[in-house]
Amino acid sequence: MFYADRDGDDDIITEGASVVHGEPPQDETGPPKVDSEVEVLHEKVKKQIMKEGHGQKPSKYSTCFLHYRAWTESTQHKFEDTWHEQQPLELVLGKEKKEMTGLAIGISSMKSGERALLHVGWELGYGKEGSFFFPNVPPMADIVYEVELIGFDETKEGKARSDMTVEERIGAADRRKMDGNALFKEEKLEEAMQQYEMAIAYMGDDFMFQLFGKYRDMALAVKSLSPQHGSVPDKAQAL
């Protein structure tokens, strides 16, 4: 496995990203047909770009936010779809589950806002045994992913949401909200929506349900937008 390893501050890498946060891509009977050039990332991972992204690529231990659909290549059976679930996946490069090794290799080659088709061999997917639980994947099944990298955090620690304290999680969401507000004020709507979607990923209903007292007050304050922005798109209002 390989990753571009760079030193850097704990910045939110989203600049100049061209992102689609309206309707999800069309879901036909199988993976989309793509005629772009095939890039070999690994002996068992190939990529075709469907939509160019912008900015930098994530490095090892970056916390990436992505949407994806997954099919078994031989049967064209779709077994997972985060667009349908309306919940982006959070993946820390270098700390991903074994069955997501191939997906992580693909993500490490992408830029914010990029959408691509990944062809992953079974060795870097669900392996020789497959998965008999959710998601149900047959043994030795090669996988096709349609994936969009929403954005990522460039961090040294590679902390997932589940490992963060309440203060860290609220702070992470607040930084994205403020960045989104600044971009919205500059009329950079796509980039602003990217920040808002990343903030929402930190402030889900399951997290809010567990908060009481001052922490709930802090979280509710983060979920409110600055008043000077007036009317904003639905996803921004959800904050």
Protein backbone atom coordinates (compact mmCIF):
# COMPACT_ATOMS: atom_id res chain seq x y z
CA MET A 1 0.00 0.00 0.00
CA PHE A 2 1.24 3.51 -0.68
CA TYR A 3 0.34 7.02 0.41
CA ALA A 4 1.79 10.44 -0.29
CA ASP A 5 3.38 11.27 3.10
CA ARG A 6 3.65 15.00 3.77
CA ASP A 7 4.29 17.07 6.84
CA GLY A 8 1.81 19.83 7.57
CA ASP A 9 -0.37 21.56 10.07
CA ASP A 10 -3.78 20.28 11.11
CA ASP A 11 -5.55 22.11 8.29
CA ILE A 12 -8.88 21.44 6.65
CA ILE A 13 -8.06 20.72 3.02
CA THR A 14 -10.96 21.83 0.86
CA GLU A 15 -9.69 24.80 -1.09
CA GLY A 16 -10.97 25.23 -4.59
CA ALA A 17 -12.86 21.96 -4.47
CA SER A 18 -15.48 21.38 -7.12
CA VAL A 19 -18.16 19.46 -5.27
CA VAL A 20 -21.59 18.11 -6.08
CA HIS A 21 -23.86 18.20 -3.04
CA GLY A 22 -27.24 18.41 -4.73
CA GLU A 23 -28.76 15.31 -6.26
CA PRO A 24 -26.61 12.16 -5.96
CA PRO A 25 -25.33 10.61 -9.18
CA GLN A 26 -27.81 8.56 -11.19
CA ASP A 27 -28.11 4.97 -10.03
CA GLU A 28 -28.65 2.67 -13.00
CA THR A 29 -28.69 -1.13 -12.89
CA GLY A 30 -24.94 -1.31 -12.35
CA PRO A 31 -21.76 0.78 -12.15
CA PRO A 32 -21.61 3.80 -14.48
CA LYS A 33 -19.91 3.38 -17.84
CA VAL A 34 -16.71 5.43 -17.91
CA ASP A 35 -14.42 5.86 -20.93
CA SER A 36 -11.67 7.89 -19.28
CA GLU A 37 -8.07 6.69 -19.03
CA VAL A 38 -7.37 3.81 -16.64
CA GLU A 39 -4.77 4.66 -14.00
CA VAL A 40 -3.05 1.76 -12.23
CA LEU A 41 -2.63 2.69 -8.56
CA HIS A 42 -1.69 -0.80 -7.38
CA GLU A 43 -1.56 -4.26 -8.88
CA LYS A 44 -5.10 -4.77 -7.57
CA VAL A 45 -6.47 -1.20 -7.78
CA LYS A 46 -7.31 0.73 -10.95
CA LYS A 47 -8.97 4.15 -11.21
CA GLN A 48 -10.94 6.07 -13.83
CA ILE A 49 -11.70 9.73 -13.13
CA MET A 50 -15.32 10.72 -13.66
CA LYS A 51 -15.05 14.31 -12.38
CA GLU A 52 -11.87 16.24 -11.65
CA GLY A 53 -11.19 17.59 -8.17
CA HIS A 54 -8.99 20.44 -7.01
CA GLY A 55 -6.31 21.15 -4.44
CA GLN A 56 -4.13 18.67 -2.62
CA LYS A 57 -4.44 14.93 -2.04
CA PRO A 58 -4.83 13.44 1.44
CA SER A 59 -1.78 11.94 3.13
CA LYS A 60 -1.49 9.11 5.62
CA TYR A 61 -3.68 9.60 8.73
CA SER A 62 -5.87 12.20 7.00
CA THR A 63 -9.52 11.90 8.03
CA CYS A 64 -11.44 11.65 4.76
CA PHE A 65 -15.17 12.18 4.19
CA LEU A 66 -16.60 10.40 1.17
CA HIS A 67 -19.70 9.06 -0.50
CA TYR A 68 -19.56 5.79 -2.41
CA ARG A 69 -21.49 2.99 -4.03
CA ALA A 70 -20.10 -0.54 -4.24
CA TRP A 71 -20.92 -3.41 -6.60
CA THR A 72 -19.54 -6.91 -7.03
CA GLU A 73 -17.88 -6.77 -10.43
CA SER A 74 -19.00 -10.19 -11.71
CA THR A 75 -22.71 -9.96 -10.83
CA GLN A 76 -23.17 -6.14 -10.81
CA HIS A 77 -24.93 -6.53 -7.44
CA LYS A 78 -24.90 -3.29 -5.43
CA PHE A 79 -24.22 -4.02 -1.77
CA GLU A 80 -23.59 -0.58 -0.29
CA ASP A 81 -24.64 3.03 -1.02
CA THR A 82 -23.88 5.95 1.31
CA TRP A 83 -25.73 8.38 -0.98
CA HIS A 84 -28.90 6.39 -0.37
CA GLU A 85 -28.21 6.37 3.38
CA GLN A 86 -27.50 10.15 3.24
CA GLN A 87 -24.50 9.68 5.52
CA PRO A 88 -20.91 10.17 4.31
CA LEU A 89 -18.31 7.63 5.36
CA GLU A 90 -15.45 8.79 7.55
CA LEU A 91 -12.20 6.97 6.77
CA VAL A 92 -8.78 7.57 8.34
CA LEU A 93 -6.07 6.66 5.83
CA GLY A 94 -3.69 4.12 7.31
CA LYS A 95 -6.27 3.04 9.91
CA GLU A 96 -8.98 1.72 7.62
CA LYS A 97 -10.63 -1.68 8.05
CA LYS A 98 -8.94 -4.51 6.18
CA GLU A 99 -11.81 -4.84 3.70
CA MET A 100 -11.41 -1.15 2.77
CA THR A 101 -7.70 -1.36 1.90
CA GLY A 102 -8.35 -1.02 -1.84
CA LEU A 103 -10.82 1.82 -1.32
CA ALA A 104 -8.25 3.66 0.84
CA ILE A 105 -5.59 3.33 -1.86
CA GLY A 106 -8.01 4.91 -4.32
CA ILE A 107 -8.95 7.72 -1.93
CA SER A 108 -5.28 8.54 -1.30
CA SER A 109 -4.93 9.34 -5.02
CA MET A 110 -7.92 11.70 -5.16
CA LYS A 111 -8.43 15.43 -4.65
CA SER A 112 -11.31 17.14 -2.87
CA GLY A 113 -14.42 17.10 -5.05
CA GLU A 114 -13.10 14.35 -7.30
CA ARG A 115 -15.39 11.52 -8.35
CA ALA A 116 -13.92 8.30 -9.68
CA LEU A 117 -14.59 4.68 -10.52
CA LEU A 118 -12.34 2.22 -8.68
CA HIS A 119 -11.76 -1.41 -9.67
CA VAL A 120 -10.49 -3.34 -6.63
CA GLY A 121 -9.33 -6.96 -6.59
CA TRP A 122 -10.80 -9.27 -3.97
CA GLU A 123 -7.45 -9.49 -2.19
CA LEU A 124 -7.80 -5.82 -1.12
CA GLY A 125 -11.54 -6.07 -0.52
CA TYR A 126 -13.52 -8.68 1.39
CA GLY A 127 -10.98 -11.40 0.71
CA LYS A 128 -11.20 -15.11 0.11
CA GLU A 129 -14.08 -15.64 2.54
CA GLY A 130 -16.21 -12.62 1.60
CA SER A 131 -18.76 -11.30 4.10
CA PHE A 132 -21.82 -13.21 5.29
CA PHE A 133 -23.15 -10.29 7.32
CA PHE A 134 -23.90 -6.70 6.23
CA PRO A 135 -22.71 -5.92 3.69
CA ASN A 136 -23.18 -9.33 2.09
CA VAL A 137 -20.29 -9.94 -0.31
CA PRO A 138 -19.51 -13.30 -1.98
CA PRO A 139 -16.11 -14.99 -1.52
CA MET A 140 -13.28 -13.76 -3.78
CA ALA A 141 -15.43 -10.95 -5.21
CA ASP A 142 -13.73 -8.16 -7.13
CA ILE A 143 -15.38 -4.82 -6.35
CA VAL A 144 -16.30 -1.70 -8.33
CA TYR A 145 -16.64 1.55 -6.37
CA GLU A 146 -18.13 4.83 -7.53
CA VAL A 147 -16.64 7.24 -5.00
CA GLU A 148 -16.61 10.99 -4.36
CA LEU A 149 -14.11 12.54 -1.95
CA ILE A 150 -16.04 15.34 -0.22
CA GLY A 151 -13.02 16.66 1.66
CA PHE A 152 -10.48 15.74 4.31
CA ASP A 153 -8.71 16.84 7.46
CA GLU A 154 -4.93 16.83 7.33
CA THR A 155 -4.03 15.66 10.83
CA LYS A 156 -1.04 14.04 12.47
CA GLU A 157 -3.11 12.02 14.93
CA GLY A 158 -5.65 10.62 12.50
CA LYS A 159 -8.45 10.78 15.05
CA ALA A 160 -11.81 9.38 14.06
CA ARG A 161 -14.98 10.97 15.40
CA SER A 162 -15.52 8.05 17.76
CA ASP A 163 -12.11 8.71 19.38
CA MET A 164 -12.68 12.44 19.92
CA THR A 165 -13.77 14.07 23.15
CA VAL A 166 -17.02 16.04 23.11
CA GLU A 167 -15.04 19.31 23.02
CA GLU A 168 -12.88 18.12 20.11
CA ARG A 169 -15.88 17.02 18.08
CA ILE A 170 -17.78 20.27 18.67
CA GLY A 171 -14.63 22.26 17.88
CA ALA A 172 -14.06 20.37 14.62
CA ALA A 173 -17.63 21.04 13.51
CA ASP A 174 -17.38 24.70 14.52
CA ARG A 175 -14.23 25.22 12.41
CA ARG A 176 -16.00 23.83 9.37
CA LYS A 177 -19.07 25.96 10.01
CA MET A 178 -16.97 29.12 10.27
CA ASP A 179 -15.04 28.24 7.12
CA GLY A 180 -18.34 27.54 5.37
CA ASN A 181 -19.74 30.88 6.50
CA ALA A 182 -16.68 32.72 5.17
CA LEU A 183 -16.92 30.94 1.81
CA PHE A 184 -20.67 31.59 1.63
CA LYS A 185 -20.05 35.30 2.22
CA GLU A 186 -17.62 35.24 -0.72
CA GLU A 187 -20.37 33.56 -2.79
CA LYS A 188 -18.29 30.39 -3.16
CA LEU A 189 -21.37 28.26 -2.68
CA GLU A 190 -20.02 24.84 -3.68
CA GLU A 191 -17.00 25.17 -1.40
CA ALA A 192 -19.23 26.44 1.43
CA MET A 193 -21.58 23.48 1.05
CA GLN A 194 -18.60 21.14 1.28
CA GLN A 195 -17.65 22.63 4.64
CA TYR A 196 -21.24 22.46 5.89
CA GLU A 197 -21.54 18.80 4.90
CA MET A 198 -18.33 17.97 6.76
CA ALA A 199 -19.64 19.83 9.82
CA ILE A 200 -22.92 17.92 9.70
CA ALA A 201 -20.95 14.67 9.66
CA TYR A 202 -19.56 15.60 13.09
CA MET A 203 -22.92 16.72 14.52
CA GLY A 204 -25.21 13.83 13.69
CA ASP A 205 -28.42 13.04 15.55
CA ASP A 206 -26.79 10.17 17.43
CA PHE A 207 -24.17 12.55 18.84
CA MET A 208 -26.66 15.30 19.73
CA PHE A 209 -28.91 12.80 21.51
CA GLN A 210 -26.11 12.00 23.98
CA LEU A 211 -25.41 15.61 24.98
CA PHE A 212 -26.70 17.32 28.10
CA GLY A 213 -26.23 20.65 29.86
CA LYS A 214 -23.44 22.92 28.68
CA TYR A 215 -22.27 20.51 25.98
CA ARG A 216 -25.68 20.46 24.33
CA ASP A 217 -25.78 24.27 24.51
CA MET A 218 -22.32 24.42 22.86
CA ALA A 219 -23.37 22.02 20.11
CA LEU A 220 -26.61 23.89 19.41
CA ALA A 221 -24.61 27.12 19.13
CA VAL A 222 -22.36 25.50 16.52
CA LYS A 223 -25.37 24.29 14.55
CA SER A 224 -26.68 27.84 14.13
CA LEU A 225 -25.35 29.97 11.28
CA SER A 226 -24.20 33.56 11.59
CA PRO A 227 -27.23 35.87 11.17
CA GLN A 228 -25.60 38.12 8.57
CA HIS A 229 -25.87 35.35 5.96
CA GLY A 230 -29.65 35.52 5.90
CA SER A 231 -31.28 32.83 3.79
CA VAL A 232 -29.02 29.90 2.95
CA PRO A 233 -29.47 26.54 1.22
CA ASP A 234 -31.17 23.71 3.11
CA LYS A 235 -27.99 21.95 4.17
CA ALA A 236 -26.57 25.14 5.56
CA GLN A 237 -29.77 25.74 7.52
CA ALA A 238 -29.39 22.26 9.02
CA LEU A 239 -26.36 23.54 10.90
